[in-house]
């Protein structure tokens, strides 16, 4: 069964709260603190795109059985020799 992926592209407004040890680190915009909370306020979807998911299975795997590369195959116990 085929599966489909939907990609949604848009914009979001958010508030991020971080905890710091001192005021100098907190004032530095490139500093990373301990994440406390992230709140998404507004989401605006500009457009969506749908793609069929790629099937990684071999397409002929269930339909065809490959023969042994050897000319003679081993006899299986219980085989009545009909082949």
C-alpha atoms as a PDB file:
ATOM      1  CA  UNK A   1       0.000   0.000   0.000  1.00  0.00           C
ATOM      2  CA  UNK A   2       1.359   3.420  -0.910  1.00  0.00           C
ATOM      3  CA  UNK A   3       1.980   6.048   1.738  1.00  0.00           C
ATOM      4  CA  UNK A   4       2.059   9.791   1.192  1.00  0.00           C
ATOM      5  CA  UNK A   5       3.991  12.583   2.909  1.00  0.00           C
ATOM      6  CA  UNK A   6       2.549  16.072   3.363  1.00  0.00           C
ATOM      7  CA  UNK A   7       4.963  18.982   3.754  1.00  0.00           C
ATOM      8  CA  UNK A   8       3.518  22.202   5.156  1.00  0.00           C
ATOM      9  CA  UNK A   9       5.463  25.414   4.694  1.00  0.00           C
ATOM     10  CA  UNK A  10       4.695  28.509   6.684  1.00  0.00           C
ATOM     11  CA  UNK A  11       5.632  30.918   9.440  1.00  0.00           C
ATOM     12  CA  UNK A  12       5.360  30.811  13.213  1.00  0.00           C
ATOM     13  CA  UNK A  13       5.651  33.292  16.067  1.00  0.00           C
ATOM     14  CA  UNK A  14       7.095  31.852  19.283  1.00  0.00           C
ATOM     15  CA  UNK A  15       8.392  32.714  22.740  1.00  0.00           C
ATOM     16  CA  UNK A  16      11.448  30.853  24.068  1.00  0.00           C
ATOM     17  CA  UNK A  17      12.424  30.982  27.753  1.00  0.00           C
ATOM     18  CA  UNK A  18      15.981  30.008  28.796  1.00  0.00           C
ATOM     19  CA  UNK A  19      17.685  29.962  32.200  1.00  0.00           C
ATOM     20  CA  UNK A  20      21.247  31.336  32.687  1.00  0.00           C
ATOM     21  CA  UNK A  21      23.717  31.435  35.579  1.00  0.00           C
ATOM     22  CA  UNK A  22      24.466  35.144  35.252  1.00  0.00           C
ATOM     23  CA  UNK A  23      23.234  38.306  33.553  1.00  0.00           C
ATOM     24  CA  UNK A  24      26.203  38.550  31.142  1.00  0.00           C
ATOM     25  CA  UNK A  25      25.411  35.169  29.587  1.00  0.00           C
ATOM     26  CA  UNK A  26      21.700  35.983  29.459  1.00  0.00           C
ATOM     27  CA  UNK A  27      22.388  39.264  27.638  1.00  0.00           C
ATOM     28  CA  UNK A  28      24.566  37.549  24.999  1.00  0.00           C
ATOM     29  CA  UNK A  29      22.258  36.590  22.058  1.00  0.00           C
ATOM     30  CA  UNK A  30      24.606  33.789  20.909  1.00  0.00           C
ATOM     31  CA  UNK A  31      24.761  32.111  24.342  1.00  0.00           C
ATOM     32  CA  UNK A  32      22.792  28.898  24.868  1.00  0.00           C
ATOM     33  CA  UNK A  33      21.047  28.483  28.205  1.00  0.00           C
ATOM     34  CA  UNK A  34      18.942  25.782  29.806  1.00  0.00           C
ATOM     35  CA  UNK A  35      15.690  25.520  27.867  1.00  0.00           C
ATOM     36  CA  UNK A  36      12.722  26.123  30.175  1.00  0.00           C
ATOM     37  CA  UNK A  37       9.769  26.675  27.844  1.00  0.00           C
ATOM     38  CA  UNK A  38       8.914  27.208  24.197  1.00  0.00           C
ATOM     39  CA  UNK A  39       5.454  28.516  23.373  1.00  0.00           C
ATOM     40  CA  UNK A  40       4.183  28.724  19.787  1.00  0.00           C
ATOM     41  CA  UNK A  41       1.824  31.691  19.485  1.00  0.00           C
ATOM     42  CA  UNK A  42       0.742  31.908  15.849  1.00  0.00           C
ATOM     43  CA  UNK A  43       1.085  29.517  12.924  1.00  0.00           C
ATOM     44  CA  UNK A  44       0.447  30.586   9.347  1.00  0.00           C
ATOM     45  CA  UNK A  45       0.487  27.887   6.639  1.00  0.00           C
ATOM     46  CA  UNK A  46       1.553  29.384   3.304  1.00  0.00           C
ATOM     47  CA  UNK A  47       1.223  26.226   1.198  1.00  0.00           C
ATOM     48  CA  UNK A  48       1.288  22.426   1.363  1.00  0.00           C
ATOM     49  CA  UNK A  49       2.953  19.868  -0.861  1.00  0.00           C
ATOM     50  CA  UNK A  50       2.131  16.138  -1.071  1.00  0.00           C
ATOM     51  CA  UNK A  51       4.612  13.512  -2.306  1.00  0.00           C
ATOM     52  CA  UNK A  52       4.332   9.771  -2.625  1.00  0.00           C
ATOM     53  CA  UNK A  53       6.691   8.056  -0.188  1.00  0.00           C
ATOM     54  CA  UNK A  54       9.422   6.043  -1.898  1.00  0.00           C
ATOM     55  CA  UNK A  55       9.018   2.302  -1.512  1.00  0.00           C
ATOM     56  CA  UNK A  56      12.410   0.814  -0.629  1.00  0.00           C
ATOM     57  CA  UNK A  57      11.316  -2.781  -1.301  1.00  0.00           C
ATOM     58  CA  UNK A  58      12.472  -4.662  -4.387  1.00  0.00           C
ATOM     59  CA  UNK A  59       9.563  -4.548  -6.791  1.00  0.00           C
ATOM     60  CA  UNK A  60      10.018  -8.089  -8.238  1.00  0.00           C
ATOM     61  CA  UNK A  61      10.866  -9.804  -4.950  1.00  0.00           C
ATOM     62  CA  UNK A  62       7.490 -11.501  -4.411  1.00  0.00           C
ATOM     63  CA  UNK A  63       6.686 -12.099  -8.073  1.00  0.00           C
ATOM     64  CA  UNK A  64       9.834 -13.915  -9.200  1.00  0.00           C
ATOM     65  CA  UNK A  65      12.018 -16.533  -7.582  1.00  0.00           C
ATOM     66  CA  UNK A  66      15.616 -16.543  -8.710  1.00  0.00           C
ATOM     67  CA  UNK A  67      17.081 -19.901  -9.663  1.00  0.00           C
ATOM     68  CA  UNK A  68      20.231 -21.269  -8.140  1.00  0.00           C
ATOM     69  CA  UNK A  69      23.337 -20.292 -10.122  1.00  0.00           C
ATOM     70  CA  UNK A  70      24.596 -23.891  -9.903  1.00  0.00           C
ATOM     71  CA  UNK A  71      23.500 -26.357 -12.566  1.00  0.00           C
ATOM     72  CA  UNK A  72      22.709 -29.005  -9.983  1.00  0.00           C
ATOM     73  CA  UNK A  73      20.784 -28.206  -6.848  1.00  0.00           C
ATOM     74  CA  UNK A  74      20.860 -30.129  -3.611  1.00  0.00           C
ATOM     75  CA  UNK A  75      18.107 -32.612  -3.054  1.00  0.00           C
ATOM     76  CA  UNK A  76      15.744 -31.640  -0.241  1.00  0.00           C
ATOM     77  CA  UNK A  77      14.636 -34.342   2.172  1.00  0.00           C
ATOM     78  CA  UNK A  78      11.097 -35.418   1.380  1.00  0.00           C
ATOM     79  CA  UNK A  79      11.513 -34.372  -2.277  1.00  0.00           C
ATOM     80  CA  UNK A  80       9.693 -36.798  -4.582  1.00  0.00           C
ATOM     81  CA  UNK A  81      12.009 -35.946  -7.484  1.00  0.00           C
ATOM     82  CA  UNK A  82       9.316 -34.320  -9.621  1.00  0.00           C
ATOM     83  CA  UNK A  83      11.484 -31.430 -10.771  1.00  0.00           C
END
